[in-house]
């Protein structure tokens, strides 16, 4: 596991190994 996002950008969670370095994001309009 690396990262996840749920509640349509409302929440994110990261593995300890990537916290602070990686960022998950989504653009629902662009799928």
ModelCIF file with pLDDT and N, C-alpha, C, O atoms, coordinates in Angstrom:
data_MODEL
#
_entry.id   MODEL 
#
_entity.id                         1 
_entity.type                       polymer 
_entity.pdbx_number_of_molecules   1 
#
_entity_poly.entity_id                      1 
_entity_poly.type                           'polypeptide(L)' 
_entity_poly.nstd_linkage                   no 
_entity_poly.nstd_monomer                   no 
_entity_poly.pdbx_seq_one_letter_code       
;(UNK)(UNK)(UNK)(UNK)(UNK)(UNK)(UNK)(UNK)(UNK)(UNK)(UNK)(UNK)(UNK)(UNK)(UNK)(UNK)
(UNK)(UNK)(UNK)(UNK)(UNK)(UNK)(UNK)(UNK)(UNK)(UNK)(UNK)(UNK)(UNK)(UNK)(UNK)
;
_entity_poly.pdbx_seq_one_letter_code_can   XXXXXXXXXXXXXXXXXXXXXXXXXXXXXXX 
_entity_poly.pdbx_strand_id                 A 
#
loop_
_entity_poly_seq.entity_id 
_entity_poly_seq.num 
_entity_poly_seq.mon_id 
_entity_poly_seq.hetero 
1 1  UNK n 
1 2  UNK n 
1 3  UNK n 
1 4  UNK n 
1 5  UNK n 
1 6  UNK n 
1 7  UNK n 
1 8  UNK n 
1 9  UNK n 
1 10 UNK n 
1 11 UNK n 
1 12 UNK n 
1 13 UNK n 
1 14 UNK n 
1 15 UNK n 
1 16 UNK n 
1 17 UNK n 
1 18 UNK n 
1 19 UNK n 
1 20 UNK n 
1 21 UNK n 
1 22 UNK n 
1 23 UNK n 
1 24 UNK n 
1 25 UNK n 
1 26 UNK n 
1 27 UNK n 
1 28 UNK n 
1 29 UNK n 
1 30 UNK n 
1 31 UNK n 
#
_struct_asym.id          A 
_struct_asym.entity_id   1 
#
loop_
_ma_qa_metric.id 
_ma_qa_metric.mode 
_ma_qa_metric.name 
_ma_qa_metric.software_group_id 
_ma_qa_metric.type 
1 global pLDDT . pLDDT 
2 local  pLDDT . pLDDT 
#
_ma_qa_metric_global.metric_id      1 
_ma_qa_metric_global.metric_value   91.19 
_ma_qa_metric_global.model_id       1 
_ma_qa_metric_global.ordinal_id     1 
#
loop_
_ma_qa_metric_local.label_asym_id 
_ma_qa_metric_local.label_comp_id 
_ma_qa_metric_local.label_seq_id 
_ma_qa_metric_local.metric_id 
_ma_qa_metric_local.metric_value 
_ma_qa_metric_local.model_id 
_ma_qa_metric_local.ordinal_id 
A UNK 1  2 98.00 1 1  
A UNK 2  2 98.00 1 2  
A UNK 3  2 98.00 1 3  
A UNK 4  2 97.00 1 4  
A UNK 5  2 94.00 1 5  
A UNK 6  2 91.00 1 6  
A UNK 7  2 77.00 1 7  
A UNK 8  2 63.00 1 8  
A UNK 9  2 62.00 1 9  
A UNK 10 2 75.00 1 10 
A UNK 11 2 92.00 1 11 
A UNK 12 2 95.00 1 12 
A UNK 13 2 97.00 1 13 
A UNK 14 2 98.00 1 14 
A UNK 15 2 98.00 1 15 
A UNK 16 2 98.00 1 16 
A UNK 17 2 98.00 1 17 
A UNK 18 2 98.00 1 18 
A UNK 19 2 97.00 1 19 
A UNK 20 2 98.00 1 20 
A UNK 21 2 98.00 1 21 
A UNK 22 2 98.00 1 22 
A UNK 23 2 98.00 1 23 
A UNK 24 2 96.00 1 24 
A UNK 25 2 94.00 1 25 
A UNK 26 2 89.00 1 26 
A UNK 27 2 89.00 1 27 
A UNK 28 2 82.00 1 28 
A UNK 29 2 85.00 1 29 
A UNK 30 2 88.00 1 30 
A UNK 31 2 88.00 1 31 
#
loop_
_atom_site.group_PDB 
_atom_site.id 
_atom_site.type_symbol 
_atom_site.label_atom_id 
_atom_site.label_alt_id 
_atom_site.label_comp_id 
_atom_site.label_asym_id 
_atom_site.label_entity_id 
_atom_site.label_seq_id 
_atom_site.pdbx_PDB_ins_code 
_atom_site.Cartn_x 
_atom_site.Cartn_y 
_atom_site.Cartn_z 
_atom_site.occupancy 
_atom_site.B_iso_or_equiv 
_atom_site.pdbx_formal_charge 
_atom_site.auth_seq_id 
_atom_site.auth_comp_id 
_atom_site.auth_asym_id 
_atom_site.auth_atom_id 
_atom_site.pdbx_PDB_model_num 
ATOM 1   N N  . UNK A 1 1  ? 0.821   -1.198 0.000   1.00 98.00 ? 1  UNK A N  1 
ATOM 2   C CA . UNK A 1 1  ? 0.000   0.000  0.000   1.00 98.00 ? 1  UNK A CA 1 
ATOM 3   C C  . UNK A 1 1  ? 0.858   1.251  0.000   1.00 98.00 ? 1  UNK A C  1 
ATOM 4   O O  . UNK A 1 1  ? 1.882   1.312  0.679   1.00 98.00 ? 1  UNK A O  1 
ATOM 5   N N  . UNK A 1 2  ? 0.436   2.251  -0.764  1.00 98.00 ? 2  UNK A N  1 
ATOM 6   C CA . UNK A 1 2  ? 1.152   3.523  -0.840  1.00 98.00 ? 2  UNK A CA 1 
ATOM 7   C C  . UNK A 1 2  ? 0.283   4.678  -0.359  1.00 98.00 ? 2  UNK A C  1 
ATOM 8   O O  . UNK A 1 2  ? 0.677   5.415  0.544   1.00 98.00 ? 2  UNK A O  1 
ATOM 9   N N  . UNK A 1 3  ? -0.894  4.840  -0.956  1.00 98.00 ? 3  UNK A N  1 
ATOM 10  C CA . UNK A 1 3  ? -1.742  5.989  -0.637  1.00 98.00 ? 3  UNK A CA 1 
ATOM 11  C C  . UNK A 1 3  ? -3.174  5.706  -1.045  1.00 98.00 ? 3  UNK A C  1 
ATOM 12  O O  . UNK A 1 3  ? -3.426  4.890  -1.932  1.00 98.00 ? 3  UNK A O  1 
ATOM 13  N N  . UNK A 1 4  ? -4.111  6.379  -0.398  1.00 97.00 ? 4  UNK A N  1 
ATOM 14  C CA . UNK A 1 4  ? -5.518  6.246  -0.761  1.00 97.00 ? 4  UNK A CA 1 
ATOM 15  C C  . UNK A 1 4  ? -6.250  7.555  -0.515  1.00 97.00 ? 4  UNK A C  1 
ATOM 16  O O  . UNK A 1 4  ? -5.828  8.375  0.301   1.00 97.00 ? 4  UNK A O  1 
ATOM 17  N N  . UNK A 1 5  ? -7.340  7.737  -1.224  1.00 94.00 ? 5  UNK A N  1 
ATOM 18  C CA . UNK A 1 5  ? -8.213  8.893  -1.053  1.00 94.00 ? 5  UNK A CA 1 
ATOM 19  C C  . UNK A 1 5  ? -9.649  8.422  -1.145  1.00 94.00 ? 5  UNK A C  1 
ATOM 20  O O  . UNK A 1 5  ? -10.001 7.644  -2.032  1.00 94.00 ? 5  UNK A O  1 
ATOM 21  N N  . UNK A 1 6  ? -10.482 8.898  -0.222  1.00 91.00 ? 6  UNK A N  1 
ATOM 22  C CA . UNK A 1 6  ? -11.884 8.543  -0.227  1.00 91.00 ? 6  UNK A CA 1 
ATOM 23  C C  . UNK A 1 6  ? -12.744 9.770  0.100   1.00 91.00 ? 6  UNK A C  1 
ATOM 24  O O  . UNK A 1 6  ? -12.230 10.832 0.451   1.00 91.00 ? 6  UNK A O  1 
ATOM 25  N N  . UNK A 1 7  ? -14.034 9.601  -0.021  1.00 77.00 ? 7  UNK A N  1 
ATOM 26  C CA . UNK A 1 7  ? -15.006 10.680 0.197   1.00 77.00 ? 7  UNK A CA 1 
ATOM 27  C C  . UNK A 1 7  ? -14.803 11.834 -0.776  1.00 77.00 ? 7  UNK A C  1 
ATOM 28  O O  . UNK A 1 7  ? -14.944 13.001 -0.412  1.00 77.00 ? 7  UNK A O  1 
ATOM 29  N N  . UNK A 1 8  ? -14.471 11.494 -2.013  1.00 63.00 ? 8  UNK A N  1 
ATOM 30  C CA . UNK A 1 8  ? -14.309 12.487 -3.075  1.00 63.00 ? 8  UNK A CA 1 
ATOM 31  C C  . UNK A 1 8  ? -13.395 13.630 -2.656  1.00 63.00 ? 8  UNK A C  1 
ATOM 32  O O  . UNK A 1 8  ? -13.808 14.788 -2.606  1.00 63.00 ? 8  UNK A O  1 
ATOM 33  N N  . UNK A 1 9  ? -12.160 13.288 -2.359  1.00 62.00 ? 9  UNK A N  1 
ATOM 34  C CA . UNK A 1 9  ? -11.102 14.219 -1.944  1.00 62.00 ? 9  UNK A CA 1 
ATOM 35  C C  . UNK A 1 9  ? -11.174 14.618 -0.475  1.00 62.00 ? 9  UNK A C  1 
ATOM 36  O O  . UNK A 1 9  ? -10.397 15.457 -0.019  1.00 62.00 ? 9  UNK A O  1 
ATOM 37  N N  . UNK A 1 10 ? -12.110 14.017 0.270   1.00 75.00 ? 10 UNK A N  1 
ATOM 38  C CA . UNK A 1 10 ? -12.286 14.420 1.651   1.00 75.00 ? 10 UNK A CA 1 
ATOM 39  C C  . UNK A 1 10 ? -11.249 13.880 2.619   1.00 75.00 ? 10 UNK A C  1 
ATOM 40  O O  . UNK A 1 10 ? -10.993 14.485 3.660   1.00 75.00 ? 10 UNK A O  1 
ATOM 41  N N  . UNK A 1 11 ? -10.648 12.741 2.281   1.00 92.00 ? 11 UNK A N  1 
ATOM 42  C CA . UNK A 1 11 ? -9.708  12.101 3.189   1.00 92.00 ? 11 UNK A CA 1 
ATOM 43  C C  . UNK A 1 11 ? -8.579  11.435 2.421   1.00 92.00 ? 11 UNK A C  1 
ATOM 44  O O  . UNK A 1 11 ? -8.784  10.891 1.336   1.00 92.00 ? 11 UNK A O  1 
ATOM 45  N N  . UNK A 1 12 ? -7.394  11.486 2.992   1.00 95.00 ? 12 UNK A N  1 
ATOM 46  C CA . UNK A 1 12 ? -6.241  10.802 2.434   1.00 95.00 ? 12 UNK A CA 1 
ATOM 47  C C  . UNK A 1 12 ? -5.492  10.066 3.529   1.00 95.00 ? 12 UNK A C  1 
ATOM 48  O O  . UNK A 1 12 ? -5.568  10.426 4.704   1.00 95.00 ? 12 UNK A O  1 
ATOM 49  N N  . UNK A 1 13 ? -4.767  9.030  3.129   1.00 97.00 ? 13 UNK A N  1 
ATOM 50  C CA . UNK A 1 13 ? -3.964  8.258  4.064   1.00 97.00 ? 13 UNK A CA 1 
ATOM 51  C C  . UNK A 1 13 ? -2.762  7.705  3.320   1.00 97.00 ? 13 UNK A C  1 
ATOM 52  O O  . UNK A 1 13 ? -2.877  7.283  2.170   1.00 97.00 ? 13 UNK A O  1 
ATOM 53  N N  . UNK A 1 14 ? -1.594  7.706  3.986   1.00 98.00 ? 14 UNK A N  1 
ATOM 54  C CA . UNK A 1 14 ? -0.360  7.306  3.343   1.00 98.00 ? 14 UNK A CA 1 
ATOM 55  C C  . UNK A 1 14 ? 0.385   6.265  4.166   1.00 98.00 ? 14 UNK A C  1 
ATOM 56  O O  . UNK A 1 14 ? 0.283   6.230  5.393   1.00 98.00 ? 14 UNK A O  1 
ATOM 57  N N  . UNK A 1 15 ? 1.129   5.426  3.474   1.00 98.00 ? 15 UNK A N  1 
ATOM 58  C CA . UNK A 1 15 ? 2.057   4.539  4.151   1.00 98.00 ? 15 UNK A CA 1 
ATOM 59  C C  . UNK A 1 15 ? 3.151   5.369  4.817   1.00 98.00 ? 15 UNK A C  1 
ATOM 60  O O  . UNK A 1 15 ? 3.530   6.429  4.319   1.00 98.00 ? 15 UNK A O  1 
ATOM 61  N N  . UNK A 1 16 ? 3.651   4.876  5.947   1.00 98.00 ? 16 UNK A N  1 
ATOM 62  C CA . UNK A 1 16 ? 4.692   5.609  6.669   1.00 98.00 ? 16 UNK A CA 1 
ATOM 63  C C  . UNK A 1 16 ? 5.916   5.877  5.788   1.00 98.00 ? 16 UNK A C  1 
ATOM 64  O O  . UNK A 1 16 ? 6.570   6.910  5.927   1.00 98.00 ? 16 UNK A O  1 
ATOM 65  N N  . UNK A 1 17 ? 6.218   4.956  4.896   1.00 98.00 ? 17 UNK A N  1 
ATOM 66  C CA . UNK A 1 17 ? 7.409   5.062  4.072   1.00 98.00 ? 17 UNK A CA 1 
ATOM 67  C C  . UNK A 1 17 ? 7.353   6.213  3.067   1.00 98.00 ? 17 UNK A C  1 
ATOM 68  O O  . UNK A 1 17 ? 8.391   6.641  2.564   1.00 98.00 ? 17 UNK A O  1 
ATOM 69  N N  . UNK A 1 18 ? 6.151   6.719  2.769   1.00 98.00 ? 18 UNK A N  1 
ATOM 70  C CA . UNK A 1 18 ? 6.016   7.793  1.780   1.00 98.00 ? 18 UNK A CA 1 
ATOM 71  C C  . UNK A 1 18 ? 5.404   9.053  2.364   1.00 98.00 ? 18 UNK A C  1 
ATOM 72  O O  . UNK A 1 18 ? 5.340   10.072 1.676   1.00 98.00 ? 18 UNK A O  1 
ATOM 73  N N  . UNK A 1 19 ? 4.955   9.017  3.602   1.00 97.00 ? 19 UNK A N  1 
ATOM 74  C CA . UNK A 1 19 ? 4.340   10.177 4.248   1.00 97.00 ? 19 UNK A CA 1 
ATOM 75  C C  . UNK A 1 19 ? 5.274   11.377 4.179   1.00 97.00 ? 19 UNK A C  1 
ATOM 76  O O  . UNK A 1 19 ? 6.452   11.282 4.524   1.00 97.00 ? 19 UNK A O  1 
ATOM 77  N N  . UNK A 1 20 ? 4.740   12.500 3.731   1.00 98.00 ? 20 UNK A N  1 
ATOM 78  C CA . UNK A 1 20 ? 5.522   13.714 3.615   1.00 98.00 ? 20 UNK A CA 1 
ATOM 79  C C  . UNK A 1 20 ? 6.233   13.879 2.296   1.00 98.00 ? 20 UNK A C  1 
ATOM 80  O O  . UNK A 1 20 ? 6.699   14.973 1.978   1.00 98.00 ? 20 UNK A O  1 
ATOM 81  N N  . UNK A 1 21 ? 6.329   12.809 1.516   1.00 98.00 ? 21 UNK A N  1 
ATOM 82  C CA . UNK A 1 21 ? 6.987   12.874 0.211   1.00 98.00 ? 21 UNK A CA 1 
ATOM 83  C C  . UNK A 1 21 ? 6.015   12.704 -0.951  1.00 98.00 ? 21 UNK A C  1 
ATOM 84  O O  . UNK A 1 21 ? 6.189   13.317 -2.005  1.00 98.00 ? 21 UNK A O  1 
ATOM 85  N N  . UNK A 1 22 ? 5.002   11.881 -0.762  1.00 98.00 ? 22 UNK A N  1 
ATOM 86  C CA . UNK A 1 22 ? 4.030   11.594 -1.816  1.00 98.00 ? 22 UNK A CA 1 
ATOM 87  C C  . UNK A 1 22 ? 2.706   12.278 -1.505  1.00 98.00 ? 22 UNK A C  1 
ATOM 88  O O  . UNK A 1 22 ? 2.354   12.468 -0.340  1.00 98.00 ? 22 UNK A O  1 
ATOM 89  N N  . UNK A 1 23 ? 1.974   12.645 -2.553  1.00 98.00 ? 23 UNK A N  1 
ATOM 90  C CA . UNK A 1 23 ? 0.662   13.256 -2.406  1.00 98.00 ? 23 UNK A CA 1 
ATOM 91  C C  . UNK A 1 23 ? -0.297  12.656 -3.420  1.00 98.00 ? 23 UNK A C  1 
ATOM 92  O O  . UNK A 1 23 ? -0.020  12.654 -4.620  1.00 98.00 ? 23 UNK A O  1 
ATOM 93  N N  . UNK A 1 24 ? -1.424  12.147 -2.939  1.00 96.00 ? 24 UNK A N  1 
ATOM 94  C CA . UNK A 1 24 ? -2.463  11.642 -3.821  1.00 96.00 ? 24 UNK A CA 1 
ATOM 95  C C  . UNK A 1 24 ? -3.509  12.728 -4.021  1.00 96.00 ? 24 UNK A C  1 
ATOM 96  O O  . UNK A 1 24 ? -3.866  13.437 -3.080  1.00 96.00 ? 24 UNK A O  1 
ATOM 97  N N  . UNK A 1 25 ? -3.991  12.855 -5.230  1.00 94.00 ? 25 UNK A N  1 
ATOM 98  C CA . UNK A 1 25 ? -5.038  13.815 -5.539  1.00 94.00 ? 25 UNK A CA 1 
ATOM 99  C C  . UNK A 1 25 ? -5.896  13.264 -6.667  1.00 94.00 ? 25 UNK A C  1 
ATOM 100 O O  . UNK A 1 25 ? -5.515  12.305 -7.339  1.00 94.00 ? 25 UNK A O  1 
ATOM 101 N N  . UNK A 1 26 ? -7.043  13.870 -6.867  1.00 89.00 ? 26 UNK A N  1 
ATOM 102 C CA . UNK A 1 26 ? -7.931  13.413 -7.938  1.00 89.00 ? 26 UNK A CA 1 
ATOM 103 C C  . UNK A 1 26 ? -8.676  14.588 -8.534  1.00 89.00 ? 26 UNK A C  1 
ATOM 104 O O  . UNK A 1 26 ? -8.958  15.578 -7.859  1.00 89.00 ? 26 UNK A O  1 
ATOM 105 N N  . UNK A 1 27 ? -8.987  14.460 -9.800  1.00 89.00 ? 27 UNK A N  1 
ATOM 106 C CA . UNK A 1 27 ? -9.787  15.429 -10.515 1.00 89.00 ? 27 UNK A CA 1 
ATOM 107 C C  . UNK A 1 27 ? -10.998 14.676 -11.045 1.00 89.00 ? 27 UNK A C  1 
ATOM 108 O O  . UNK A 1 27 ? -10.921 14.006 -12.075 1.00 89.00 ? 27 UNK A O  1 
ATOM 109 N N  . UNK A 1 28 ? -12.109 14.789 -10.340 1.00 82.00 ? 28 UNK A N  1 
ATOM 110 C CA . UNK A 1 28 ? -13.301 14.033 -10.706 1.00 82.00 ? 28 UNK A CA 1 
ATOM 111 C C  . UNK A 1 28 ? -13.841 14.433 -12.077 1.00 82.00 ? 28 UNK A C  1 
ATOM 112 O O  . UNK A 1 28 ? -14.367 13.592 -12.806 1.00 82.00 ? 28 UNK A O  1 
ATOM 113 N N  . UNK A 1 29 ? -13.714 15.699 -12.428 1.00 85.00 ? 29 UNK A N  1 
ATOM 114 C CA . UNK A 1 29 ? -14.189 16.163 -13.723 1.00 85.00 ? 29 UNK A CA 1 
ATOM 115 C C  . UNK A 1 29 ? -13.419 15.516 -14.864 1.00 85.00 ? 29 UNK A C  1 
ATOM 116 O O  . UNK A 1 29 ? -13.965 15.314 -15.949 1.00 85.00 ? 29 UNK A O  1 
ATOM 117 N N  . UNK A 1 30 ? -12.151 15.191 -14.626 1.00 88.00 ? 30 UNK A N  1 
ATOM 118 C CA . UNK A 1 30 ? -11.310 14.580 -15.644 1.00 88.00 ? 30 UNK A CA 1 
ATOM 119 C C  . UNK A 1 30 ? -11.164 13.075 -15.469 1.00 88.00 ? 30 UNK A C  1 
ATOM 120 O O  . UNK A 1 30 ? -10.466 12.425 -16.247 1.00 88.00 ? 30 UNK A O  1 
ATOM 121 N N  . UNK A 1 31 ? -11.813 12.518 -14.456 1.00 88.00 ? 31 UNK A N  1 
ATOM 122 C CA . UNK A 1 31 ? -11.722 11.084 -14.175 1.00 88.00 ? 31 UNK A CA 1 
ATOM 123 C C  . UNK A 1 31 ? -10.271 10.626 -14.059 1.00 88.00 ? 31 UNK A C  1 
ATOM 124 O O  . UNK A 1 31 ? -10.012 9.446  -13.825 1.00 88.00 ? 31 UNK A O  1 
#
